[in-house]
N, C-alpha and C. Protein backbone atom coordinates (compact mmCIF):
# COMPACT_ATOMS: atom_id res chain seq x y z
N UNK A 1 19.67 -6.82 6.91
CA UNK A 1 18.46 -6.02 6.86
C UNK A 1 18.31 -5.16 8.11
N UNK A 2 18.70 -5.69 9.24
CA UNK A 2 18.57 -4.87 10.49
C UNK A 2 19.44 -3.62 10.41
N UNK A 3 20.63 -3.78 9.90
CA UNK A 3 21.55 -2.60 9.74
C UNK A 3 20.92 -1.62 8.80
N UNK A 4 20.33 -2.07 7.70
CA UNK A 4 19.69 -1.16 6.78
C UNK A 4 18.51 -0.43 7.41
N UNK A 5 17.69 -1.15 8.22
CA UNK A 5 16.58 -0.53 8.93
C UNK A 5 17.08 0.52 9.91
N UNK A 6 18.17 0.26 10.63
CA UNK A 6 18.72 1.22 11.53
C UNK A 6 19.24 2.49 10.81
N UNK A 7 19.86 2.26 9.64
CA UNK A 7 20.35 3.38 8.86
C UNK A 7 19.21 4.27 8.37
N UNK A 8 18.17 3.65 7.87
CA UNK A 8 17.01 4.36 7.38
C UNK A 8 16.33 5.18 8.49
N UNK A 9 16.22 4.59 9.66
CA UNK A 9 15.65 5.32 10.83
C UNK A 9 16.49 6.52 11.16
N UNK A 10 17.79 6.36 11.18
CA UNK A 10 18.68 7.45 11.52
C UNK A 10 18.54 8.59 10.48
N UNK A 11 18.63 8.25 9.18
CA UNK A 11 18.60 9.27 8.15
C UNK A 11 17.22 9.93 8.04
N UNK A 12 16.13 9.09 8.04
CA UNK A 12 14.81 9.63 7.90
C UNK A 12 14.41 10.45 9.13
N UNK A 13 14.84 9.96 10.27
CA UNK A 13 14.55 10.70 11.52
C UNK A 13 15.18 12.07 11.52
N UNK A 14 16.40 12.13 11.04
CA UNK A 14 17.15 13.39 10.95
C UNK A 14 16.44 14.38 9.98
N UNK A 15 16.05 13.87 8.85
CA UNK A 15 15.40 14.70 7.85
C UNK A 15 14.00 15.18 8.29
N UNK A 16 13.31 14.41 9.07
CA UNK A 16 11.91 14.74 9.43
C UNK A 16 11.80 15.38 10.81
N UNK A 17 12.94 15.55 11.48
CA UNK A 17 12.96 16.05 12.88
C UNK A 17 12.33 17.43 12.94
N UNK A 18 12.52 18.28 11.95
CA UNK A 18 11.98 19.62 11.99
C UNK A 18 10.46 19.62 11.93
N UNK A 19 9.86 18.55 11.47
CA UNK A 19 8.40 18.40 11.44
C UNK A 19 7.89 17.68 12.71
N UNK A 20 8.75 17.35 13.61
CA UNK A 20 8.44 16.57 14.81
C UNK A 20 7.80 15.22 14.52
N UNK A 21 8.31 14.61 13.41
CA UNK A 21 7.84 13.29 13.03
C UNK A 21 8.75 12.28 13.72
N UNK A 22 8.12 11.33 14.43
CA UNK A 22 8.92 10.32 15.13
C UNK A 22 9.07 9.10 14.24
N UNK A 23 10.33 8.69 14.03
CA UNK A 23 10.66 7.50 13.22
C UNK A 23 11.36 6.51 14.15
N UNK A 24 10.86 5.30 14.14
CA UNK A 24 11.47 4.26 15.04
C UNK A 24 11.63 2.91 14.29
N UNK A 25 12.52 2.14 14.85
CA UNK A 25 12.81 0.84 14.25
C UNK A 25 12.09 -0.25 15.04
N UNK A 26 11.55 -1.16 14.28
CA UNK A 26 10.90 -2.36 14.89
C UNK A 26 11.47 -3.60 14.16
N UNK A 27 12.48 -4.19 14.78
CA UNK A 27 13.09 -5.45 14.19
C UNK A 27 13.11 -6.51 15.27
N UNK A 28 13.76 -7.61 14.94
CA UNK A 28 13.93 -8.69 15.94
C UNK A 28 14.70 -8.23 17.14
N UNK A 29 15.61 -7.25 16.96
CA UNK A 29 16.45 -6.72 18.04
C UNK A 29 15.77 -5.65 18.81
N UNK A 30 14.83 -4.92 18.16
CA UNK A 30 14.20 -3.76 18.82
C UNK A 30 12.71 -4.00 19.01
N UNK A 31 12.19 -3.82 20.15
CA UNK A 31 10.78 -3.96 20.46
C UNK A 31 10.21 -2.63 20.82
N UNK A 32 8.87 -2.49 20.61
CA UNK A 32 8.20 -1.24 20.94
C UNK A 32 6.98 -1.56 21.77
N UNK A 33 6.71 -0.66 22.75
CA UNK A 33 5.48 -0.83 23.56
C UNK A 33 4.34 -0.24 22.74
N UNK A 34 3.08 -0.54 23.18
CA UNK A 34 1.94 0.04 22.52
C UNK A 34 1.95 1.55 22.57
N UNK A 35 2.46 2.12 23.65
CA UNK A 35 2.53 3.57 23.79
C UNK A 35 3.59 4.11 22.77
N UNK A 36 4.69 3.46 22.61
CA UNK A 36 5.67 3.91 21.63
C UNK A 36 5.13 3.82 20.21
N UNK A 37 4.43 2.73 19.96
CA UNK A 37 3.82 2.63 18.59
C UNK A 37 2.82 3.71 18.35
N UNK A 38 2.00 4.03 19.34
CA UNK A 38 1.01 5.07 19.22
C UNK A 38 1.57 6.46 18.93
N UNK A 39 2.73 6.72 19.51
CA UNK A 39 3.34 8.07 19.30
C UNK A 39 4.26 8.11 18.12
N UNK A 40 4.44 7.06 17.42
CA UNK A 40 5.38 7.02 16.29
C UNK A 40 4.59 7.14 15.00
N UNK A 41 5.09 8.06 14.11
CA UNK A 41 4.39 8.24 12.83
C UNK A 41 4.91 7.31 11.75
N UNK A 42 6.24 6.96 11.81
CA UNK A 42 6.84 6.11 10.81
C UNK A 42 7.61 4.98 11.51
N UNK A 43 7.24 3.73 11.17
CA UNK A 43 7.94 2.57 11.72
C UNK A 43 8.66 1.90 10.60
N UNK A 44 9.98 1.71 10.77
CA UNK A 44 10.81 1.00 9.80
C UNK A 44 11.04 -0.40 10.32
N UNK A 45 10.78 -1.37 9.50
CA UNK A 45 10.92 -2.76 9.96
C UNK A 45 11.50 -3.65 8.87
N UNK A 46 11.92 -4.84 9.27
CA UNK A 46 12.45 -5.83 8.31
C UNK A 46 11.27 -6.66 7.79
N UNK A 47 11.45 -7.32 6.66
CA UNK A 47 10.32 -8.11 6.11
C UNK A 47 9.90 -9.20 7.09
N UNK A 48 10.78 -9.76 7.82
CA UNK A 48 10.49 -10.85 8.75
C UNK A 48 9.62 -10.33 9.89
N UNK A 49 9.99 -9.17 10.43
CA UNK A 49 9.22 -8.64 11.54
C UNK A 49 7.87 -8.11 11.03
N UNK A 50 7.85 -7.56 9.81
CA UNK A 50 6.59 -7.11 9.26
C UNK A 50 5.62 -8.27 9.14
N UNK A 51 6.10 -9.43 8.72
CA UNK A 51 5.27 -10.62 8.63
C UNK A 51 4.63 -10.94 10.00
N UNK A 52 5.42 -10.93 11.07
CA UNK A 52 4.94 -11.23 12.37
C UNK A 52 3.93 -10.21 12.83
N UNK A 53 4.22 -8.91 12.62
CA UNK A 53 3.33 -7.80 13.06
C UNK A 53 2.00 -7.87 12.34
N UNK A 54 2.01 -8.07 11.03
CA UNK A 54 0.74 -8.04 10.33
C UNK A 54 -0.13 -9.31 10.49
N UNK A 55 0.45 -10.31 11.07
CA UNK A 55 -0.38 -11.53 11.33
C UNK A 55 -1.18 -11.41 12.62
N UNK A 56 -0.83 -10.37 13.44
CA UNK A 56 -1.51 -10.14 14.70
C UNK A 56 -2.22 -8.78 14.69
N UNK A 57 -3.26 -8.63 13.92
CA UNK A 57 -3.90 -7.33 13.87
C UNK A 57 -4.60 -6.97 15.15
N UNK A 58 -4.52 -5.69 15.56
CA UNK A 58 -5.12 -5.26 16.81
C UNK A 58 -6.43 -4.46 16.51
N UNK A 59 -6.59 -4.05 15.27
CA UNK A 59 -7.80 -3.30 14.92
C UNK A 59 -7.65 -1.80 15.28
N UNK A 60 -6.50 -1.39 15.70
CA UNK A 60 -6.25 -0.06 16.07
C UNK A 60 -5.36 0.69 15.05
N UNK A 61 -5.67 1.94 14.84
CA UNK A 61 -4.79 2.80 13.99
C UNK A 61 -4.95 2.49 12.53
N UNK A 62 -4.08 3.17 11.75
CA UNK A 62 -4.06 2.99 10.34
C UNK A 62 -2.76 2.37 9.89
N UNK A 63 -2.76 1.69 8.80
CA UNK A 63 -1.57 0.98 8.34
C UNK A 63 -1.30 1.30 6.90
N UNK A 64 -0.10 1.69 6.60
CA UNK A 64 0.28 1.96 5.21
C UNK A 64 1.61 1.26 4.95
N UNK A 65 1.75 0.64 3.82
CA UNK A 65 2.95 -0.08 3.41
C UNK A 65 3.66 0.71 2.36
N UNK A 66 4.95 0.95 2.59
CA UNK A 66 5.80 1.56 1.57
C UNK A 66 6.99 0.67 1.38
N UNK A 67 7.15 0.17 0.15
CA UNK A 67 8.24 -0.76 -0.11
C UNK A 67 9.45 0.07 -0.43
N UNK A 68 10.57 -0.45 -0.05
CA UNK A 68 11.86 0.23 -0.27
C UNK A 68 12.26 0.34 -1.72
N UNK A 69 12.76 1.49 -2.07
CA UNK A 69 13.31 1.70 -3.44
C UNK A 69 14.47 0.75 -3.68
N UNK A 70 15.20 0.51 -2.58
CA UNK A 70 16.35 -0.44 -2.66
C UNK A 70 15.85 -1.83 -3.11
N UNK A 71 14.79 -2.30 -2.60
CA UNK A 71 14.23 -3.63 -3.03
C UNK A 71 13.75 -3.58 -4.44
N UNK A 72 13.13 -2.53 -4.87
CA UNK A 72 12.65 -2.43 -6.24
C UNK A 72 13.79 -2.45 -7.20
N UNK A 73 14.88 -1.77 -6.89
CA UNK A 73 16.04 -1.73 -7.75
C UNK A 73 16.67 -3.10 -7.89
N UNK A 74 16.54 -3.94 -6.84
CA UNK A 74 17.06 -5.29 -6.90
C UNK A 74 16.16 -6.24 -7.69
N UNK A 75 15.02 -5.71 -8.11
CA UNK A 75 14.10 -6.54 -8.89
C UNK A 75 13.17 -7.36 -8.09
N UNK A 76 13.05 -7.16 -6.77
CA UNK A 76 12.12 -7.94 -5.94
C UNK A 76 10.87 -7.16 -5.64
N UNK A 77 10.85 -5.84 -5.87
CA UNK A 77 9.68 -5.10 -5.57
C UNK A 77 8.70 -5.04 -6.75
N UNK A 78 7.45 -4.69 -6.45
CA UNK A 78 6.43 -4.64 -7.51
C UNK A 78 5.83 -3.30 -7.52
């Protein structure tokens, strides 16, 4: 999953670069500071890290969840 997250960050970041959209990875291997999170528009994460992050709400910012098309194709998405 971490390799998939890294690949998505690379591809999506490249596609959205012309819009100055920052795409970053947040996995068990990659950490982000509050400042990095604040300046990032799209955060790509693994399900495990997402579970950890969403259990500690800060009350700051907005949160949107987009499930991967890859997971839906595998029959695990809803």
